[in-house]
Amino acid sequence: MAADSSSSRPPEPESDVGGAARGGRLVLWGVAILFLAVSVFGGHHGSFPAPRATPASGASSTGQSGAALPRSEPTRLLIPKIGVDAPFTRLTLDPSGQLDPPPAANTNLVGWYAKGAAPGEKGTAIIAGHVDTKVSAAVFVNLDDLDTGDRFSVERADGRTANFVVDSSETFAKDDFPSDRVYADTARPEVRLITCAGDYDHAAKDYTDNLVVFAHLV
């Protein structure tokens, strides 16, 4: 997902991690501009297009939402249907302004964009994981098995568990990725689970598509 994003950086989070509502809504045009195209999956590199200037409303999500939780770092992702029980690592920016991927050496690890919303906090939290690496399948290899209505949870550093329900699961071509829709800030707590999908392009050393699971807090 590499793109020329060094000219824009997301805002820094509030220093009061435990409580700041503002800190939970640091999202997401910074993420949309900077996450847009770092290949966080399998060590391959591709690109997402730059988002349009007008924020989207997160219209893909449906149903009643649970009350937003205060900001707290996620510690573990649990998706029983596909056997995911994985710790988190923070995703940060490299010196060029691109998002570093989760370490490919650990196939059971998910990444959270730490300058965006925390899972359970108001806004759109971004969670990314590898579908595979150069040596084996990885944590999100079966992410495409999730259906509308399936549930998963995120354990947090404050001892609370944020529970989510899947609204939709959609695949987008990397050269037509709807950054504004996927990354736009939302008025309620939502999550995007993202991995690679489609065919592997050996010339580009990247997958052709991205799979995005849209979900909201319950």
C-alpha atoms as a PDB file:
ATOM      1  CA  MET A   1       0.000   0.000   0.000  1.00  0.00           C
ATOM      2  CA  ALA A   2       2.803   2.471  -0.452  1.00  0.00           C
ATOM      3  CA  ALA A   3       1.734   5.957  -1.423  1.00  0.00           C
ATOM      4  CA  ASP A   4       3.248   9.407  -1.338  1.00  0.00           C
ATOM      5  CA  SER A   5       1.817  10.473   1.986  1.00  0.00           C
ATOM      6  CA  SER A   6       4.749  12.167   3.637  1.00  0.00           C
ATOM      7  CA  SER A   7       3.183  15.618   3.321  1.00  0.00           C
ATOM      8  CA  SER A   8       0.291  14.832   5.703  1.00  0.00           C
ATOM      9  CA  ARG A   9       0.458  13.346   9.143  1.00  0.00           C
ATOM     10  CA  PRO A  10      -2.330  12.501  11.563  1.00  0.00           C
ATOM     11  CA  PRO A  11      -2.691  14.611  14.689  1.00  0.00           C
ATOM     12  CA  GLU A  12      -1.037  13.469  17.869  1.00  0.00           C
ATOM     13  CA  PRO A  13      -3.339  11.797  20.418  1.00  0.00           C
ATOM     14  CA  GLU A  14      -4.422  13.522  23.596  1.00  0.00           C
ATOM     15  CA  SER A  15      -2.025  12.916  26.488  1.00  0.00           C
ATOM     16  CA  ASP A  16      -4.888  11.797  28.742  1.00  0.00           C
ATOM     17  CA  VAL A  17      -5.273   8.353  27.230  1.00  0.00           C
ATOM     18  CA  GLY A  18      -7.810   7.167  29.773  1.00  0.00           C
ATOM     19  CA  GLY A  19     -10.480   9.759  29.277  1.00  0.00           C
ATOM     20  CA  ALA A  20     -10.226  12.198  26.455  1.00  0.00           C
ATOM     21  CA  ALA A  21     -13.119  12.084  24.059  1.00  0.00           C
ATOM     22  CA  ARG A  22     -11.192  14.228  21.697  1.00  0.00           C
ATOM     23  CA  GLY A  23      -8.327  11.770  21.765  1.00  0.00           C
ATOM     24  CA  GLY A  24     -10.702   9.091  20.519  1.00  0.00           C
ATOM     25  CA  ARG A  25     -11.586  10.992  17.422  1.00  0.00           C
ATOM     26  CA  LEU A  26      -8.137  11.675  16.079  1.00  0.00           C
ATOM     27  CA  VAL A  27      -9.070   9.545  13.155  1.00  0.00           C
ATOM     28  CA  LEU A  28      -9.264   9.445  10.298  1.00  0.00           C
ATOM     29  CA  TRP A  29      -8.455  11.709   7.571  1.00  0.00           C
ATOM     30  CA  GLY A  30      -4.919  11.422   8.828  1.00  0.00           C
ATOM     31  CA  VAL A  31      -5.288   7.671   8.684  1.00  0.00           C
ATOM     32  CA  ALA A  32      -6.962   7.829   5.304  1.00  0.00           C
ATOM     33  CA  ILE A  33      -4.138   9.900   3.890  1.00  0.00           C
ATOM     34  CA  LEU A  34      -1.335   7.956   5.518  1.00  0.00           C
ATOM     35  CA  PHE A  35      -2.619   4.431   5.858  1.00  0.00           C
ATOM     36  CA  LEU A  36      -3.850   4.652   2.342  1.00  0.00           C
ATOM     37  CA  ALA A  37      -1.366   2.532   1.048  1.00  0.00           C
ATOM     38  CA  VAL A  38       1.109   0.883   3.114  1.00  0.00           C
ATOM     39  CA  SER A  39       1.179  -2.782   2.460  1.00  0.00           C
ATOM     40  CA  VAL A  40       0.725  -4.046   5.968  1.00  0.00           C
ATOM     41  CA  PHE A  41       0.222  -7.554   4.752  1.00  0.00           C
ATOM     42  CA  GLY A  42       2.777 -10.226   3.966  1.00  0.00           C
ATOM     43  CA  GLY A  43       5.639  -7.849   3.306  1.00  0.00           C
ATOM     44  CA  HIS A  44       4.225  -6.929  -0.095  1.00  0.00           C
ATOM     45  CA  HIS A  45       3.852  -3.379  -1.354  1.00  0.00           C
ATOM     46  CA  GLY A  46       0.923  -1.825  -3.215  1.00  0.00           C
ATOM     47  CA  SER A  47      -1.159   1.304  -3.076  1.00  0.00           C
ATOM     48  CA  PHE A  48      -4.487   2.778  -2.111  1.00  0.00           C
ATOM     49  CA  PRO A  49      -5.767   5.957  -3.748  1.00  0.00           C
ATOM     50  CA  ALA A  50      -5.884   9.219  -1.822  1.00  0.00           C
ATOM     51  CA  PRO A  51      -9.281   9.876  -0.222  1.00  0.00           C
ATOM     52  CA  ARG A  52     -11.627  12.532  -1.492  1.00  0.00           C
ATOM     53  CA  ALA A  53     -11.817  15.742   0.510  1.00  0.00           C
ATOM     54  CA  THR A  54     -15.347  15.247   1.862  1.00  0.00           C
ATOM     55  CA  PRO A  55     -15.575  12.828   4.804  1.00  0.00           C
ATOM     56  CA  ALA A  56     -17.927   9.898   4.486  1.00  0.00           C
ATOM     57  CA  SER A  57     -20.478   8.995   7.130  1.00  0.00           C
ATOM     58  CA  GLY A  58     -19.638   5.320   7.641  1.00  0.00           C
ATOM     59  CA  ALA A  59     -22.917   4.489   5.956  1.00  0.00           C
ATOM     60  CA  SER A  60     -22.186   0.784   5.620  1.00  0.00           C
ATOM     61  CA  SER A  61     -22.838   0.163   9.311  1.00  0.00           C
ATOM     62  CA  THR A  62     -26.311  -0.703  10.580  1.00  0.00           C
ATOM     63  CA  GLY A  63     -28.055  -1.518  13.858  1.00  0.00           C
ATOM     64  CA  GLN A  64     -27.989  -0.158  17.375  1.00  0.00           C
ATOM     65  CA  SER A  65     -24.621   0.668  18.883  1.00  0.00           C
ATOM     66  CA  GLY A  66     -23.406   0.222  22.429  1.00  0.00           C
ATOM     67  CA  ALA A  67     -22.327   3.168  24.534  1.00  0.00           C
ATOM     68  CA  ALA A  68     -18.847   4.407  23.716  1.00  0.00           C
ATOM     69  CA  LEU A  69     -16.045   3.425  26.073  1.00  0.00           C
ATOM     70  CA  PRO A  70     -13.234   5.707  27.231  1.00  0.00           C
ATOM     71  CA  ARG A  71      -9.953   5.511  25.383  1.00  0.00           C
ATOM     72  CA  SER A  72      -7.838   2.504  26.304  1.00  0.00           C
ATOM     73  CA  GLU A  73      -5.236   0.526  24.406  1.00  0.00           C
ATOM     74  CA  PRO A  74      -6.358  -2.823  22.942  1.00  0.00           C
ATOM     75  CA  THR A  75      -4.508  -5.875  24.182  1.00  0.00           C
ATOM     76  CA  ARG A  76      -6.086  -8.877  22.453  1.00  0.00           C
ATOM     77  CA  LEU A  77      -8.398  -9.610  19.516  1.00  0.00           C
ATOM     78  CA  LEU A  78     -10.756 -12.566  19.826  1.00  0.00           C
ATOM     79  CA  ILE A  79     -12.746 -13.822  16.821  1.00  0.00           C
ATOM     80  CA  PRO A  80     -14.098 -17.232  17.850  1.00  0.00           C
ATOM     81  CA  LYS A  81     -15.644 -18.117  14.482  1.00  0.00           C
ATOM     82  CA  ILE A  82     -12.279 -18.082  12.697  1.00  0.00           C
ATOM     83  CA  GLY A  83     -10.077 -19.099  15.626  1.00  0.00           C
ATOM     84  CA  VAL A  84      -8.350 -15.757  16.134  1.00  0.00           C
ATOM     85  CA  ASP A  85      -6.850 -15.128  19.567  1.00  0.00           C
ATOM     86  CA  ALA A  86      -4.094 -12.636  18.940  1.00  0.00           C
ATOM     87  CA  PRO A  87      -2.231  -9.891  20.789  1.00  0.00           C
ATOM     88  CA  PHE A  88      -1.914  -6.363  19.451  1.00  0.00           C
ATOM     89  CA  THR A  89       1.030  -4.299  18.394  1.00  0.00           C
ATOM     90  CA  ARG A  90       0.908  -0.576  17.722  1.00  0.00           C
ATOM     91  CA  LEU A  91       1.138   0.552  14.117  1.00  0.00           C
ATOM     92  CA  THR A  92       3.200   3.698  13.762  1.00  0.00           C
ATOM     93  CA  LEU A  93       4.654   5.807  10.992  1.00  0.00           C
ATOM     94  CA  ASP A  94       8.094   5.279   9.537  1.00  0.00           C
ATOM     95  CA  PRO A  95      10.433   8.226   8.793  1.00  0.00           C
ATOM     96  CA  SER A  96       8.893   8.686   5.353  1.00  0.00           C
ATOM     97  CA  GLY A  97       5.423   9.125   6.834  1.00  0.00           C
ATOM     98  CA  GLN A  98       4.096   5.701   5.881  1.00  0.00           C
ATOM     99  CA  LEU A  99       2.530   3.211   8.245  1.00  0.00           C
ATOM    100  CA  ASP A 100       4.777   0.363   9.318  1.00  0.00           C
ATOM    101  CA  PRO A 101       3.185  -3.095   9.003  1.00  0.00           C
ATOM    102  CA  PRO A 102       2.933  -5.569  11.855  1.00  0.00           C
ATOM    103  CA  PRO A 103       6.123  -7.657  12.058  1.00  0.00           C
ATOM    104  CA  ALA A 104       5.855 -10.388   9.455  1.00  0.00           C
ATOM    105  CA  ALA A 105       7.868 -12.828  11.560  1.00  0.00           C
ATOM    106  CA  ASN A 106       4.933 -13.210  13.971  1.00  0.00           C
ATOM    107  CA  THR A 107       1.989 -14.731  12.127  1.00  0.00           C
ATOM    108  CA  ASN A 108      -0.347 -14.457  15.140  1.00  0.00           C
ATOM    109  CA  LEU A 109      -0.267 -10.701  15.636  1.00  0.00           C
ATOM    110  CA  VAL A 110      -2.608  -7.860  14.719  1.00  0.00           C
ATOM    111  CA  GLY A 111      -1.817  -4.176  14.454  1.00  0.00           C
ATOM    112  CA  TRP A 112      -3.765  -1.172  15.715  1.00  0.00           C
ATOM    113  CA  TYR A 113      -3.280   2.328  14.331  1.00  0.00           C
ATOM    114  CA  ALA A 114      -2.515   3.960  17.677  1.00  0.00           C
ATOM    115  CA  LYS A 115      -3.112   7.554  16.584  1.00  0.00           C
ATOM    116  CA  GLY A 116      -6.668   6.751  15.572  1.00  0.00           C
ATOM    117  CA  ALA A 117      -9.598   5.738  17.743  1.00  0.00           C
ATOM    118  CA  ALA A 118      -9.181   2.861  20.180  1.00  0.00           C
ATOM    119  CA  PRO A 119     -11.555  -0.098  19.742  1.00  0.00           C
ATOM    120  CA  GLY A 120     -14.700   0.725  21.728  1.00  0.00           C
ATOM    121  CA  GLU A 121     -14.048   4.462  21.662  1.00  0.00           C
ATOM    122  CA  LYS A 122     -16.199   6.779  19.556  1.00  0.00           C
ATOM    123  CA  GLY A 123     -14.806   6.884  16.034  1.00  0.00           C
ATOM    124  CA  THR A 124     -13.306   4.394  13.591  1.00  0.00           C
ATOM    125  CA  ALA A 125     -10.623   2.075  14.939  1.00  0.00           C
ATOM    126  CA  ILE A 126      -8.295   0.454  12.402  1.00  0.00           C
ATOM    127  CA  ILE A 127      -7.064  -3.113  12.979  1.00  0.00           C
ATOM    128  CA  ALA A 128      -4.831  -4.722  10.346  1.00  0.00           C
ATOM    129  CA  GLY A 129      -3.347  -8.166  10.028  1.00  0.00           C
ATOM    130  CA  HIS A 130      -1.463 -10.352   7.585  1.00  0.00           C
ATOM    131  CA  VAL A 131      -3.326 -12.897   5.499  1.00  0.00           C
ATOM    132  CA  ASP A 132      -0.046 -14.716   5.009  1.00  0.00           C
ATOM    133  CA  THR A 133       3.677 -14.201   5.075  1.00  0.00           C
ATOM    134  CA  LYS A 134       6.486 -15.587   2.962  1.00  0.00           C
ATOM    135  CA  VAL A 135       6.512 -18.734   5.064  1.00  0.00           C
ATOM    136  CA  SER A 136       2.942 -19.506   6.173  1.00  0.00           C
ATOM    137  CA  ALA A 137      -0.664 -18.463   6.573  1.00  0.00           C
ATOM    138  CA  ALA A 138      -1.212 -15.710   9.128  1.00  0.00           C
ATOM    139  CA  VAL A 139      -3.752 -14.366  11.599  1.00  0.00           C
ATOM    140  CA  PHE A 140      -6.335 -13.066   9.082  1.00  0.00           C
ATOM    141  CA  VAL A 141      -6.147 -15.959   6.626  1.00  0.00           C
ATOM    142  CA  ASN A 142      -9.832 -16.793   7.279  1.00  0.00           C
ATOM    143  CA  LEU A 143     -11.130 -13.251   7.709  1.00  0.00           C
ATOM    144  CA  ASP A 144     -13.284 -13.687   4.604  1.00  0.00           C
ATOM    145  CA  ASP A 145     -15.359 -16.280   6.502  1.00  0.00           C
ATOM    146  CA  LEU A 146     -16.939 -13.559   8.670  1.00  0.00           C
ATOM    147  CA  ASP A 147     -20.563 -12.760   7.814  1.00  0.00           C
ATOM    148  CA  THR A 148     -23.042 -10.078   8.808  1.00  0.00           C
ATOM    149  CA  GLY A 149     -24.102 -10.682  12.400  1.00  0.00           C
ATOM    150  CA  ASP A 150     -20.935 -12.483  13.469  1.00  0.00           C
ATOM    151  CA  ARG A 151     -19.344 -11.201  16.655  1.00  0.00           C
ATOM    152  CA  PHE A 152     -15.849 -10.598  17.903  1.00  0.00           C
ATOM    153  CA  SER A 153     -14.291  -8.812  20.845  1.00  0.00           C
ATOM    154  CA  VAL A 154     -11.310  -6.712  21.810  1.00  0.00           C
ATOM    155  CA  GLU A 155      -9.804  -6.971  25.274  1.00  0.00           C
ATOM    156  CA  ARG A 156      -8.437  -3.642  26.504  1.00  0.00           C
ATOM    157  CA  ALA A 157      -5.794  -2.430  28.932  1.00  0.00           C
ATOM    158  CA  ASP A 158      -8.458  -0.962  31.244  1.00  0.00           C
ATOM    159  CA  GLY A 159      -9.874  -4.437  31.864  1.00  0.00           C
ATOM    160  CA  ARG A 160     -12.983  -3.870  29.761  1.00  0.00           C
ATOM    161  CA  THR A 161     -13.957  -5.920  26.722  1.00  0.00           C
ATOM    162  CA  ALA A 162     -15.358  -4.175  23.660  1.00  0.00           C
ATOM    163  CA  ASN A 163     -17.786  -6.424  21.781  1.00  0.00           C
ATOM    164  CA  PHE A 164     -18.504  -5.874  18.100  1.00  0.00           C
ATOM    165  CA  VAL A 165     -20.953  -7.192  15.528  1.00  0.00           C
ATOM    166  CA  VAL A 166     -20.117  -7.431  11.832  1.00  0.00           C
ATOM    167  CA  ASP A 167     -22.145  -5.149   9.550  1.00  0.00           C
ATOM    168  CA  SER A 168     -20.579  -6.198   6.273  1.00  0.00           C
ATOM    169  CA  SER A 169     -17.504  -7.746   4.717  1.00  0.00           C
ATOM    170  CA  GLU A 170     -16.401  -6.301   1.407  1.00  0.00           C
ATOM    171  CA  THR A 171     -13.510  -6.698  -1.011  1.00  0.00           C
ATOM    172  CA  PHE A 172     -12.102  -3.731  -2.896  1.00  0.00           C
ATOM    173  CA  ALA A 173      -9.548  -3.564  -5.683  1.00  0.00           C
ATOM    174  CA  LYS A 174      -6.455  -1.794  -4.412  1.00  0.00           C
ATOM    175  CA  ASP A 175      -6.541   0.551  -7.379  1.00  0.00           C
ATOM    176  CA  ASP A 176     -10.149   1.521  -6.532  1.00  0.00           C
ATOM    177  CA  PHE A 177     -10.052   1.476  -2.737  1.00  0.00           C
ATOM    178  CA  PRO A 178     -12.729   3.723  -1.118  1.00  0.00           C
ATOM    179  CA  SER A 179     -10.490   5.351   1.477  1.00  0.00           C
ATOM    180  CA  ASP A 180     -13.072   7.975   2.384  1.00  0.00           C
ATOM    181  CA  ARG A 181     -15.652   5.308   3.199  1.00  0.00           C
ATOM    182  CA  VAL A 182     -13.345   2.932   5.029  1.00  0.00           C
ATOM    183  CA  TYR A 183     -11.410   5.431   7.125  1.00  0.00           C
ATOM    184  CA  ALA A 184     -13.916   8.236   7.688  1.00  0.00           C
ATOM    185  CA  ASP A 185     -14.647   9.198  11.271  1.00  0.00           C
ATOM    186  CA  THR A 186     -17.964   7.966  12.644  1.00  0.00           C
ATOM    187  CA  ALA A 187     -20.375   9.196  15.292  1.00  0.00           C
ATOM    188  CA  ARG A 188     -20.336   5.868  17.119  1.00  0.00           C
ATOM    189  CA  PRO A 189     -17.674   3.282  17.987  1.00  0.00           C
ATOM    190  CA  GLU A 190     -16.780   1.248  14.909  1.00  0.00           C
ATOM    191  CA  VAL A 191     -13.938  -1.007  13.777  1.00  0.00           C
ATOM    192  CA  ARG A 192     -12.429  -1.911  10.431  1.00  0.00           C
ATOM    193  CA  LEU A 193     -10.585  -5.220  10.149  1.00  0.00           C
ATOM    194  CA  ILE A 194      -8.331  -5.080   7.098  1.00  0.00           C
ATOM    195  CA  THR A 195      -6.202  -7.591   5.246  1.00  0.00           C
ATOM    196  CA  CYS A 196      -5.154  -8.470   1.710  1.00  0.00           C
ATOM    197  CA  ALA A 197      -7.324 -10.463  -0.696  1.00  0.00           C
ATOM    198  CA  GLY A 198      -7.674 -11.423  -4.316  1.00  0.00           C
ATOM    199  CA  ASP A 199      -4.887 -12.794  -6.467  1.00  0.00           C
ATOM    200  CA  TYR A 200      -1.222 -12.387  -5.727  1.00  0.00           C
ATOM    201  CA  ASP A 201       0.546 -10.315  -8.359  1.00  0.00           C
ATOM    202  CA  HIS A 202       4.104 -11.654  -8.517  1.00  0.00           C
ATOM    203  CA  ALA A 203       5.310  -8.719 -10.580  1.00  0.00           C
ATOM    204  CA  ALA A 204       3.983  -6.147  -8.107  1.00  0.00           C
ATOM    205  CA  LYS A 205       4.725  -8.393  -5.108  1.00  0.00           C
ATOM    206  CA  ASP A 206       1.304  -7.570  -3.726  1.00  0.00           C
ATOM    207  CA  TYR A 207      -2.253  -8.830  -3.648  1.00  0.00           C
ATOM    208  CA  THR A 208      -4.721  -7.226  -6.019  1.00  0.00           C
ATOM    209  CA  ASP A 209      -7.437  -6.491  -3.420  1.00  0.00           C
ATOM    210  CA  ASN A 210      -8.116  -5.616   0.181  1.00  0.00           C
ATOM    211  CA  LEU A 211     -10.751  -7.226   2.367  1.00  0.00           C
ATOM    212  CA  VAL A 212     -12.453  -4.902   4.859  1.00  0.00           C
ATOM    213  CA  VAL A 213     -14.778  -6.057   7.642  1.00  0.00           C
ATOM    214  CA  PHE A 214     -17.039  -3.256   8.899  1.00  0.00           C
ATOM    215  CA  ALA A 215     -18.299  -3.643  12.475  1.00  0.00           C
ATOM    216  CA  HIS A 216     -19.790  -1.602  15.327  1.00  0.00           C
ATOM    217  CA  LEU A 217     -19.804  -1.792  19.128  1.00  0.00           C
ATOM    218  CA  VAL A 218     -22.711  -3.566  20.799  1.00  0.00           C
END
